[in-house]
Each structure stands twice: as structure tokens, then as C-alpha cells.
Amino acid sequence: MNARQVLIVDDNLNYAENIAEILQIDGHTTRIAASAEEALPDALGEEPDVIVTDYRLPGVNGAAFIKRFRETNTHFRAMVISAYTDATTIDAATDAGATFMAKPVDFALLGRWVRGSSA
């Protein structure tokens, strides 16, 4: 298995910690941020292989964060997660070059996706 550096951005820290714990069991290194604004300086200091972000965040939404991050970094995969599965949210995620996954997240599917298998 290829261990990945994963940045998780979610204002629900309990949810983010659950995702981090599952991914750490798989051998990945994880970092958590509660907002895009908090994640951007952190992510710029150490480029993640994978970003998993909630769509609805305080301030900049997850899709906009991914777009902004892609301006200076192109070698990462992104997933936007959300309990809101309306076309606008899904389209924003895919327009940002991210995979979309509905909450509650299927942790087994997320783990396969982080490892590089399709979701």
C-alpha cells in the first residue's frame, strides 16, 4: 500500500478526527483543519497527496478552497464531501476537479479512494 499525506478540512472536528483515525489505521499521515483559511497556509507549507474537504465550511467553501489550492499545486487528488447532494454542490466539486462523496461517508470506499483505487 502507498501511504499518503492527507489533509482533512471540516469544521466538524469530531467528524474530521473520525476520518483521520480511519485513514491512519490504513497507514496514512493526516492533518486536520477546521476551515479553508486555516488549511491553506498549512497545506502550502507541506503539500498533501490528498485533500478531503467538507463543502460547507465557514468562509470559503470546500470547492473554492480546492480551486485556490490548485492555482499553485497540481499534484494532489481532492474529494469534496457533503450532506447536501444537490446539483449545485456536486457541480461545484467536480468543476474544482474533485471527486464528490455524500455524507455520511462510506469509510471503506474513502479508504480505497485515498489509496488510489476508484471511488
Protein backbone atom coordinates (compact mmCIF):
# COMPACT_ATOMS: atom_id res chain seq x y z
CA MET A 1 0.00 0.00 0.00
CA ASN A 2 1.17 3.53 -0.72
CA ALA A 3 0.85 5.71 2.36
CA ARG A 4 -0.47 9.17 1.57
CA GLN A 5 -0.23 12.58 3.23
CA VAL A 6 -3.90 13.54 3.69
CA LEU A 7 -5.26 16.96 4.62
CA ILE A 8 -8.79 16.83 6.06
CA VAL A 9 -10.76 20.08 6.18
CA ASP A 10 -14.03 20.03 8.12
CA ASP A 11 -15.47 22.40 10.71
CA ASN A 12 -16.98 19.39 12.48
CA LEU A 13 -13.77 18.37 14.23
CA ASN A 14 -15.24 15.13 15.59
CA TYR A 15 -16.10 14.05 12.05
CA ALA A 16 -12.66 15.09 10.78
CA GLU A 17 -10.99 13.15 13.60
CA ASN A 18 -13.02 10.05 12.71
CA ILE A 19 -11.87 10.28 9.10
CA ALA A 20 -8.28 10.85 10.23
CA GLU A 21 -8.36 7.87 12.57
CA ILE A 22 -9.65 5.53 9.85
CA LEU A 23 -7.00 6.73 7.39
CA GLN A 24 -4.23 6.47 9.99
CA ILE A 25 -5.18 2.83 10.57
CA ASP A 26 -4.51 2.38 6.84
CA GLY A 27 -1.04 3.88 7.36
CA HIS A 28 -1.68 7.39 6.04
CA THR A 29 -0.41 10.57 7.67
CA THR A 30 -3.22 13.04 8.34
CA ARG A 31 -3.61 16.69 9.23
CA ILE A 32 -6.86 18.41 10.16
CA ALA A 33 -8.02 21.98 9.62
CA ALA A 34 -11.37 23.47 10.63
CA SER A 35 -11.64 25.91 7.69
CA ALA A 36 -10.17 26.60 4.27
CA GLU A 37 -8.44 29.68 5.67
CA GLU A 38 -6.76 27.55 8.34
CA ALA A 39 -5.86 24.82 5.86
CA LEU A 40 -4.37 26.97 3.12
CA PRO A 41 -1.26 28.15 4.99
CA ASP A 42 -0.85 24.67 6.48
CA ALA A 43 -1.27 22.96 3.13
CA LEU A 44 1.10 25.34 1.39
CA GLY A 45 3.84 24.51 3.88
CA GLU A 46 3.65 20.78 3.19
CA GLU A 47 1.92 19.60 0.05
CA PRO A 48 -0.63 16.88 0.69
CA ASP A 49 -1.11 13.97 -1.71
CA VAL A 50 -4.83 14.03 -0.98
CA ILE A 51 -7.28 16.64 0.29
CA VAL A 52 -10.63 15.60 1.75
CA THR A 53 -12.79 18.64 2.46
CA ASP A 54 -16.34 19.31 3.51
CA TYR A 55 -18.20 21.52 1.07
CA ARG A 56 -19.90 23.76 3.62
CA LEU A 57 -17.19 25.44 5.65
CA PRO A 58 -17.09 28.77 7.43
CA GLY A 59 -15.78 31.36 4.98
CA VAL A 60 -14.56 29.82 1.73
CA ASN A 61 -16.37 26.61 0.74
CA GLY A 62 -14.53 23.36 0.03
CA ALA A 63 -14.77 23.60 -3.77
CA ALA A 64 -13.41 27.15 -3.77
CA PHE A 65 -10.59 26.01 -1.46
CA ILE A 66 -9.65 23.24 -3.90
CA LYS A 67 -9.68 25.69 -6.83
CA ARG A 68 -7.49 28.14 -4.91
CA PHE A 69 -5.08 25.40 -3.88
CA ARG A 70 -4.84 24.15 -7.48
CA GLU A 71 -3.53 27.57 -8.57
CA THR A 72 -0.14 26.72 -7.06
CA ASN A 73 -0.26 22.94 -6.59
CA THR A 74 -1.35 20.42 -9.15
CA HIS A 75 -0.07 17.11 -7.82
CA PHE A 76 -2.85 16.15 -5.43
CA ARG A 77 -6.21 14.43 -5.56
CA ALA A 78 -9.24 16.01 -3.97
CA MET A 79 -12.54 14.85 -2.60
CA VAL A 80 -15.39 17.09 -1.51
CA ILE A 81 -17.78 15.55 1.00
CA SER A 82 -21.17 16.94 1.92
CA ALA A 83 -24.53 16.00 3.36
CA TYR A 84 -26.00 18.26 0.67
CA THR A 85 -26.29 16.34 -2.58
CA ASP A 86 -27.94 18.98 -4.73
CA ALA A 87 -26.68 19.54 -8.27
CA THR A 88 -25.07 22.88 -7.38
CA THR A 89 -22.87 21.32 -4.69
CA ILE A 90 -21.90 18.32 -6.81
CA ASP A 91 -21.20 20.51 -9.87
CA ALA A 92 -19.03 22.88 -7.81
CA ALA A 93 -16.99 19.92 -6.55
CA THR A 94 -16.47 18.42 -9.99
CA ASP A 95 -15.75 21.83 -11.54
CA ALA A 96 -12.95 22.18 -8.97
CA GLY A 97 -11.52 18.86 -10.16
CA ALA A 98 -12.64 16.93 -7.10
CA THR A 99 -14.50 13.68 -6.58
CA PHE A 100 -17.78 14.10 -4.67
CA MET A 101 -18.92 11.79 -1.86
CA ALA A 102 -22.12 12.17 0.13
CA LYS A 103 -22.13 12.19 3.93
CA PRO A 104 -22.29 10.02 5.86
CA VAL A 105 -19.04 8.94 4.25
CA ASP A 106 -18.52 5.28 3.42
CA PHE A 107 -15.16 4.89 5.18
CA ALA A 108 -14.20 1.73 3.27
CA LEU A 109 -14.87 3.47 -0.04
CA LEU A 110 -12.99 6.57 1.11
CA GLY A 111 -10.03 4.42 2.15
CA ARG A 112 -9.88 2.77 -1.28
CA TRP A 113 -10.10 6.15 -2.97
CA VAL A 114 -7.27 7.60 -0.85
CA ARG A 115 -5.10 4.58 -1.70
CA GLY A 116 -5.66 5.37 -5.37
CA SER A 117 -8.44 2.97 -6.23
CA SER A 118 -11.51 4.46 -7.85
CA ALA A 119 -14.42 5.54 -5.71
